[in-house]
Protein backbone atom coordinates (compact mmCIF):
# COMPACT_ATOMS: atom_id res chain seq x y z
CA MET A 1 -53.82 92.64 305.64
CA LYS A 2 -54.58 93.16 301.95
CA HIS A 3 -52.93 96.60 302.06
CA SER A 4 -49.71 95.20 303.62
CA VAL A 5 -49.49 92.48 300.93
CA TYR A 6 -49.64 95.15 298.21
CA THR A 7 -47.07 97.26 300.05
CA LEU A 8 -44.76 94.25 300.39
CA ALA A 9 -45.16 93.37 296.70
CA LEU A 10 -44.45 96.96 295.67
CA THR A 11 -41.39 97.15 297.92
CA LEU A 12 -40.00 93.87 296.57
CA GLY A 13 -40.62 95.03 293.01
CA LEU A 14 -38.74 98.27 293.57
CA LEU A 15 -35.84 96.48 295.26
CA SER A 16 -35.55 94.07 292.34
CA LEU A 17 -35.38 97.02 289.92
CA CYS A 18 -32.53 98.54 291.92
CA ALA A 19 -30.72 95.21 292.02
CA CYS A 20 -31.14 94.80 288.26
CA SER A 21 -29.71 98.22 287.48
CA THR A 22 -26.74 97.59 289.81
CA ALA A 23 -26.18 94.14 288.31
CA ASP A 24 -26.41 95.62 284.80
CA LYS A 25 -23.90 98.32 285.74
CA TYR A 26 -21.25 95.84 286.90
CA ALA A 27 -22.07 93.24 284.23
CA SER A 28 -21.34 95.84 281.58
CA GLY A 29 -18.05 96.78 283.28
CA ARG A 30 -19.10 100.29 284.28
CA TYR A 31 -17.31 101.05 287.54
CA TYR A 32 -18.09 104.76 287.58
CA GLU A 33 -20.91 107.30 287.58
CA ILE A 34 -21.27 110.34 285.34
CA TYR A 35 -22.54 113.69 286.58
CA SER A 36 -23.62 116.82 284.73
CA VAL A 37 -22.00 119.98 286.07
CA SER A 38 -23.42 123.33 285.01
CA GLY A 39 -20.86 125.68 283.47
CA LEU A 40 -17.96 123.23 283.27
CA GLY A 41 -16.14 123.57 279.97
CA ALA A 42 -13.13 124.61 277.92
CA CYS A 43 -12.33 125.31 274.31
CA GLU A 44 -10.52 123.32 271.68
CA PHE A 45 -7.33 125.39 271.60
CA LYS A 46 -5.46 125.74 268.30
CA PRO A 47 -1.74 126.37 269.02
CA ALA A 48 -1.00 127.36 265.40
CA PHE A 49 -3.46 130.26 265.72
CA ASN A 50 -2.90 130.92 269.45
CA ASP A 51 -6.65 131.01 269.93
CA CYS A 52 -9.73 128.97 270.71
CA ALA A 53 -11.90 127.19 268.19
CA GLU A 54 -15.12 125.55 269.34
CA GLN A 55 -16.29 125.42 272.94
CA ARG A 56 -16.61 122.06 274.69
CA VAL A 57 -18.96 121.36 277.61
CA PHE A 58 -17.84 118.69 280.09
CA ASP A 59 -19.55 116.26 282.42
CA VAL A 60 -17.52 114.46 285.09
CA LYS A 61 -16.90 110.74 285.45
CA ILE A 62 -16.18 109.55 289.01
CA SER A 63 -14.96 106.04 289.81
CA ASP A 64 -17.10 104.02 292.22
CA ASN A 65 -14.32 104.06 294.81
CA LYS A 66 -14.20 107.89 294.48
CA GLU A 67 -10.44 107.78 293.77
CA LYS A 68 -10.52 109.09 290.18
CA ILE A 69 -12.37 111.85 288.38
CA ALA A 70 -12.26 112.73 284.69
CA LEU A 71 -13.66 115.44 282.50
CA ALA A 72 -15.90 113.49 280.19
CA LYS A 73 -18.83 113.75 277.83
CA PHE A 74 -21.94 111.66 278.46
CA ILE A 75 -23.50 110.55 275.18
CA ASN A 76 -25.92 107.88 276.38
CA PRO A 77 -25.98 105.30 279.21
CA SER A 78 -23.59 102.98 277.35
CA ASP A 79 -21.42 105.56 275.59
CA ASN A 80 -19.19 108.33 276.91
CA VAL A 81 -15.79 109.84 276.26
CA SER A 82 -13.12 110.76 278.83
CA PHE A 83 -10.67 113.56 278.13
CA PHE A 84 -8.35 114.00 281.12
CA GLY A 85 -8.56 113.40 284.83
CA PHE A 86 -7.23 113.56 288.34
CA ILE A 87 -6.39 110.99 291.03
CA ARG A 88 -7.14 111.55 294.71
CA ASN A 89 -3.81 110.41 296.20
CA ASP A 90 -1.86 113.03 294.21
CA TYR A 91 -4.60 115.66 293.94
CA PRO A 92 -2.84 118.71 295.48
CA ALA A 93 0.15 118.32 293.13
CA GLN A 94 -2.06 117.63 290.10
CA VAL A 95 -4.14 120.80 290.50
CA LYS A 96 -1.21 123.05 291.45
CA PRO A 97 -0.69 124.19 287.82
CA VAL A 98 -4.36 125.27 287.67
CA ARG A 99 -4.03 127.21 290.93
CA ASP A 100 -0.73 128.72 289.70
CA PHE A 101 -2.44 129.80 286.47
CA LEU A 102 -5.05 131.75 288.44
CA LEU A 103 -2.28 133.57 290.35
CA TRP A 104 -0.42 134.22 287.07
CA ALA A 105 -3.57 135.64 285.45
CA GLN A 106 -3.98 138.12 288.34
CA ALA A 107 -0.40 139.39 287.98
CA ASP A 108 0.31 142.53 285.97
CA THR A 109 2.91 140.90 283.74
CA HIS A 110 1.77 138.02 281.58
CA THR A 111 4.95 136.43 280.32
CA ALA A 112 4.26 133.00 278.89
CA LYS A 113 4.97 130.06 281.18
CA HIS A 114 5.25 126.35 280.37
CA LEU A 115 5.03 123.51 282.92
CA THR A 116 5.44 119.81 282.19
CA MET A 117 4.33 117.20 284.69
CA LYS A 118 4.65 113.42 284.40
CA ARG A 119 1.79 111.82 286.30
CA PRO A 120 -0.63 108.89 286.26
CA ALA A 121 -2.93 109.02 283.25
CA GLY A 122 -5.94 109.71 285.48
CA ASN A 123 -8.49 108.93 282.80
CA ALA A 124 -6.55 110.50 279.96
CA TYR A 125 -8.64 109.90 276.86
CA GLY A 126 -10.77 106.95 277.66
CA TYR A 127 -10.17 104.03 279.92
CA LEU A 128 -11.00 104.91 283.52
CA PHE A 129 -8.46 102.68 285.25
CA GLU A 130 -5.44 103.45 283.10
CA ASN A 131 -2.30 103.16 285.22
CA ARG A 132 0.48 104.25 282.88
CA GLU A 133 2.14 107.63 283.31
CA VAL A 134 1.63 110.39 280.79
CA GLU A 135 3.07 113.85 280.38
CA TYR A 136 0.69 116.72 281.02
CA GLN A 137 1.73 120.10 279.64
CA PHE A 138 0.34 123.33 281.06
CA ASP A 139 0.91 126.56 279.15
CA PHE A 140 0.02 129.95 280.59
CA THR A 141 -0.46 132.11 277.52
CA GLN A 142 -2.23 135.16 276.16
CA THR A 143 -4.50 134.54 273.18
CA ARG A 144 -4.47 136.82 270.15
CA ALA A 145 -7.36 138.66 271.82
CA GLY A 146 -5.25 139.20 274.97
CA VAL A 147 -7.22 136.71 277.09
CA PRO A 148 -5.18 134.81 279.72
CA MET A 149 -5.52 131.13 278.84
CA LEU A 150 -4.46 127.88 280.53
CA VAL A 151 -3.74 125.39 277.77
CA ILE A 152 -3.65 121.72 278.80
CA HIS A 153 -2.11 119.19 276.44
CA ILE A 154 -1.66 115.48 277.14
CA ASP A 155 1.44 114.09 275.47
CA GLY A 156 0.73 111.90 272.48
CA LYS A 157 -2.75 113.30 271.90
CA ASP A 158 -3.72 115.83 269.29
CA ARG A 159 -6.10 117.87 271.44
CA TYR A 160 -5.34 121.02 273.36
CA PHE A 161 -7.86 122.32 275.90
CA GLY A 162 -7.93 126.04 276.65
CA LEU A 163 -9.44 127.36 279.87
CA THR A 164 -10.13 131.00 280.63
CA VAL A 165 -9.83 132.27 284.19
CA GLU A 166 -13.55 131.67 284.80
CA GLN A 167 -13.39 128.16 283.33
CA ALA A 168 -10.32 127.34 285.45
CA LYS A 169 -12.15 128.56 288.58
CA LYS A 170 -15.17 126.36 287.73
CA LEU A 171 -12.87 123.38 287.12
CA LEU A 172 -11.19 123.90 290.51
CA SER A 173 -14.49 124.32 292.37
CA THR A 174 -15.78 121.07 290.81
CA LEU A 175 -12.56 119.18 291.57
CA ASP A 176 -12.40 120.56 295.12
CA ALA A 177 -16.00 119.43 295.72
CA TRP A 178 -15.08 115.91 294.56
CA TYR A 179 -11.91 115.90 296.68
CA GLU A 180 -13.88 117.01 299.76
CA ASN A 181 -16.59 114.39 299.07
CA ARG A 182 -19.27 117.00 298.35
CA ALA A 183 -21.86 116.77 295.58
CA VAL A 184 -20.50 117.74 292.17
CA GLY A 185 -23.62 117.84 290.02
CA TYR A 186 -26.65 116.01 288.70
CA LYS A 187 -26.21 112.23 288.30
CA LEU A 188 -26.66 111.03 284.70
CA THR A 189 -25.89 107.29 285.10
């Protein structure tokens, strides 16, 4: 009897901790989870120099309803930054430029290519549930070093993200896992 009382008390204590963390999550307005994904990254691309500057490592932010995903950076439990994202209901069209880039990079001729796509913000720079439309620009280019590069620029923002073939493949494998409801990485929040 004494053992079952302790077990009951321990179980209730653990359940209350779970309830507190869930309540804290929604009380603070956090309707997403952040996951660490090994090897997911890009570079800060500098168009004036047609080359990469510093490398950036990304985490992913996934909305609780699993409808949105963003490349993000986890700083601490109450602080993170979103860069750009994707929305489930238009996923095949949104990742088509990334898939096209991989085909372009395999081709023998690497003539520059520029695609512009107006689409829902999908976590563009910050707020997870942004509903306005923004213009995404995808440039297939060769860097000064002759490296095929997918450059993503979100209209109105000063940042350009450059992905090599390997980085684009990792991005697609992460996004495909999310789209197929498979695990994407290690949960941080």
